[in-house]
Amino acid sequence: MTLAYPGPTSELSEIVARDAFLDALNDHSLRTRIMEKEPSNLDEALKMASRLEACDKSARDGAAHNSGKPSNKDKFVQAARAQLNSRLWLRLIMTVLV
């Protein structure tokens, strides 16, 4: 808002900015949950959206972990273990051969 309309802000401009942000969200459920908390300005709406998105992502990651489907973290750990095991085997083979 400040870049488009420089100068002092008013309560109306804060409401317009907040509503424009909420209308731009692609998630109707997220928009509704934010509006239930009645943010008074754009900053509050943005903070709420960030928190709710983080909570949703955490819940999805937890559900994926509990469903037996490996998460990205699990995949990374498995790849790191495989790489470590291959290095250990290589050292063992080099030690035996030397």
C-alpha atoms as a PDB file:
ATOM      1  CA  MET A   1       0.000   0.000   0.000  1.00  0.00           C
ATOM      2  CA  THR A   2       2.753   2.436   0.916  1.00  0.00           C
ATOM      3  CA  LEU A   3       4.445   2.180  -2.474  1.00  0.00           C
ATOM      4  CA  ALA A   4       1.236   2.663  -4.406  1.00  0.00           C
ATOM      5  CA  TYR A   5      -0.141   5.413  -2.170  1.00  0.00           C
ATOM      6  CA  PRO A   6       2.698   7.217  -0.368  1.00  0.00           C
ATOM      7  CA  GLY A   7       1.912   9.373   2.599  1.00  0.00           C
ATOM      8  CA  PRO A   8       0.186   8.823   5.898  1.00  0.00           C
ATOM      9  CA  THR A   9      -1.994   5.757   6.157  1.00  0.00           C
ATOM     10  CA  SER A  10      -5.537   5.811   7.388  1.00  0.00           C
ATOM     11  CA  GLU A  11      -7.710   3.164   8.976  1.00  0.00           C
ATOM     12  CA  LEU A  12      -9.542   2.771   5.676  1.00  0.00           C
ATOM     13  CA  SER A  13      -6.329   2.121   3.728  1.00  0.00           C
ATOM     14  CA  GLU A  14      -5.334  -0.550   6.267  1.00  0.00           C
ATOM     15  CA  ILE A  15      -8.699  -2.276   5.830  1.00  0.00           C
ATOM     16  CA  VAL A  16      -8.458  -2.092   2.041  1.00  0.00           C
ATOM     17  CA  ALA A  17      -4.932  -3.570   2.117  1.00  0.00           C
ATOM     18  CA  ARG A  18      -6.028  -6.352   4.482  1.00  0.00           C
ATOM     19  CA  ASP A  19      -9.029  -7.239   2.359  1.00  0.00           C
ATOM     20  CA  ALA A  20      -6.982  -7.206  -0.851  1.00  0.00           C
ATOM     21  CA  PHE A  21      -4.497  -9.606   0.734  1.00  0.00           C
ATOM     22  CA  LEU A  22      -7.240 -11.937   1.953  1.00  0.00           C
ATOM     23  CA  ASP A  23      -8.980 -11.885  -1.432  1.00  0.00           C
ATOM     24  CA  ALA A  24      -5.696 -12.841  -3.109  1.00  0.00           C
ATOM     25  CA  LEU A  25      -5.343 -16.017  -1.026  1.00  0.00           C
ATOM     26  CA  ASN A  26      -6.084 -19.132  -3.067  1.00  0.00           C
ATOM     27  CA  ASP A  27      -7.250 -21.042   0.003  1.00  0.00           C
ATOM     28  CA  HIS A  28     -10.848 -20.210   0.970  1.00  0.00           C
ATOM     29  CA  SER A  29     -10.555 -22.177   4.211  1.00  0.00           C
ATOM     30  CA  LEU A  30      -7.422 -20.258   5.235  1.00  0.00           C
ATOM     31  CA  ARG A  31      -9.116 -16.952   4.396  1.00  0.00           C
ATOM     32  CA  THR A  32     -12.124 -17.851   6.534  1.00  0.00           C
ATOM     33  CA  ARG A  33      -9.958 -18.896   9.485  1.00  0.00           C
ATOM     34  CA  ILE A  34      -8.050 -15.608   9.315  1.00  0.00           C
ATOM     35  CA  MET A  35     -11.239 -13.542   9.098  1.00  0.00           C
ATOM     36  CA  GLU A  36     -12.606 -15.338  12.180  1.00  0.00           C
ATOM     37  CA  LYS A  37      -9.689 -13.889  14.144  1.00  0.00           C
ATOM     38  CA  GLU A  38     -10.637 -10.358  12.974  1.00  0.00           C
ATOM     39  CA  PRO A  39      -7.246  -8.893  12.023  1.00  0.00           C
ATOM     40  CA  SER A  40      -7.339  -5.111  12.112  1.00  0.00           C
ATOM     41  CA  ASN A  41      -4.665  -4.520   9.472  1.00  0.00           C
ATOM     42  CA  LEU A  42      -2.505  -6.140   6.803  1.00  0.00           C
ATOM     43  CA  ASP A  43       0.358  -6.977   9.173  1.00  0.00           C
ATOM     44  CA  GLU A  44      -1.900  -8.914  11.539  1.00  0.00           C
ATOM     45  CA  ALA A  45      -3.522 -10.779   8.651  1.00  0.00           C
ATOM     46  CA  LEU A  46      -0.111 -11.688   7.227  1.00  0.00           C
ATOM     47  CA  LYS A  47       1.136 -12.960  10.613  1.00  0.00           C
ATOM     48  CA  MET A  48      -1.995 -15.055  11.060  1.00  0.00           C
ATOM     49  CA  ALA A  49      -1.722 -16.477   7.551  1.00  0.00           C
ATOM     50  CA  SER A  50       1.918 -17.406   8.122  1.00  0.00           C
ATOM     51  CA  ARG A  51       1.146 -19.137  11.422  1.00  0.00           C
ATOM     52  CA  LEU A  52      -1.836 -21.023  10.051  1.00  0.00           C
ATOM     53  CA  GLU A  53       0.080 -22.151   6.961  1.00  0.00           C
ATOM     54  CA  ALA A  54       2.923 -23.377   9.166  1.00  0.00           C
ATOM     55  CA  CYS A  55       0.473 -25.292  11.367  1.00  0.00           C
ATOM     56  CA  ASP A  56      -1.224 -26.810   8.317  1.00  0.00           C
ATOM     57  CA  LYS A  57       2.123 -27.856   6.831  1.00  0.00           C
ATOM     58  CA  SER A  58       3.213 -29.370  10.127  1.00  0.00           C
ATOM     59  CA  ALA A  59      -0.044 -31.316  10.402  1.00  0.00           C
ATOM     60  CA  ARG A  60       0.296 -32.569   6.804  1.00  0.00           C
ATOM     61  CA  ASP A  61       3.905 -33.623   7.390  1.00  0.00           C
ATOM     62  CA  GLY A  62       2.896 -35.407  10.586  1.00  0.00           C
ATOM     63  CA  ALA A  63       0.026 -37.165   8.843  1.00  0.00           C
ATOM     64  CA  ALA A  64       2.327 -38.231   6.013  1.00  0.00           C
ATOM     65  CA  HIS A  65       4.819 -39.554   8.566  1.00  0.00           C
ATOM     66  CA  ASN A  66       2.134 -41.470  10.433  1.00  0.00           C
ATOM     67  CA  SER A  67       0.623 -42.889   7.250  1.00  0.00           C
ATOM     68  CA  GLY A  68       3.785 -44.801   6.449  1.00  0.00           C
ATOM     69  CA  LYS A  69       4.722 -42.492   3.590  1.00  0.00           C
ATOM     70  CA  PRO A  70       8.270 -41.197   4.172  1.00  0.00           C
ATOM     71  CA  SER A  71       8.623 -37.452   4.615  1.00  0.00           C
ATOM     72  CA  ASN A  72      11.361 -35.404   2.981  1.00  0.00           C
ATOM     73  CA  LYS A  73      13.313 -35.524   6.234  1.00  0.00           C
ATOM     74  CA  ASP A  74      13.072 -39.327   6.324  1.00  0.00           C
ATOM     75  CA  LYS A  75      14.229 -39.525   2.703  1.00  0.00           C
ATOM     76  CA  PHE A  76      17.208 -37.286   3.481  1.00  0.00           C
ATOM     77  CA  VAL A  77      18.179 -39.390   6.516  1.00  0.00           C
ATOM     78  CA  GLN A  78      17.924 -42.595   4.482  1.00  0.00           C
ATOM     79  CA  ALA A  79      20.102 -41.135   1.719  1.00  0.00           C
ATOM     80  CA  ALA A  80      22.686 -39.919   4.255  1.00  0.00           C
ATOM     81  CA  ARG A  81      22.794 -43.352   5.914  1.00  0.00           C
ATOM     82  CA  ALA A  82      23.203 -45.082   2.557  1.00  0.00           C
ATOM     83  CA  GLN A  83      26.060 -42.762   1.633  1.00  0.00           C
ATOM     84  CA  LEU A  84      27.743 -43.323   5.003  1.00  0.00           C
ATOM     85  CA  ASN A  85      27.363 -47.105   4.688  1.00  0.00           C
ATOM     86  CA  SER A  86      28.872 -47.088   1.199  1.00  0.00           C
ATOM     87  CA  ARG A  87      31.852 -45.072   2.465  1.00  0.00           C
ATOM     88  CA  LEU A  88      32.344 -47.455   5.384  1.00  0.00           C
ATOM     89  CA  TRP A  89      32.237 -50.453   3.047  1.00  0.00           C
ATOM     90  CA  LEU A  90      34.719 -48.782   0.724  1.00  0.00           C
ATOM     91  CA  ARG A  91      37.116 -48.146   3.621  1.00  0.00           C
ATOM     92  CA  LEU A  92      36.742 -51.724   4.808  1.00  0.00           C
ATOM     93  CA  ILE A  93      37.475 -53.085   1.331  1.00  0.00           C
ATOM     94  CA  MET A  94      40.477 -50.770   0.922  1.00  0.00           C
ATOM     95  CA  THR A  95      41.800 -51.848   4.316  1.00  0.00           C
ATOM     96  CA  VAL A  96      41.453 -55.535   3.461  1.00  0.00           C
ATOM     97  CA  LEU A  97      43.051 -55.129   0.053  1.00  0.00           C
ATOM     98  CA  VAL A  98      46.055 -53.160   1.332  1.00  0.00           C
END
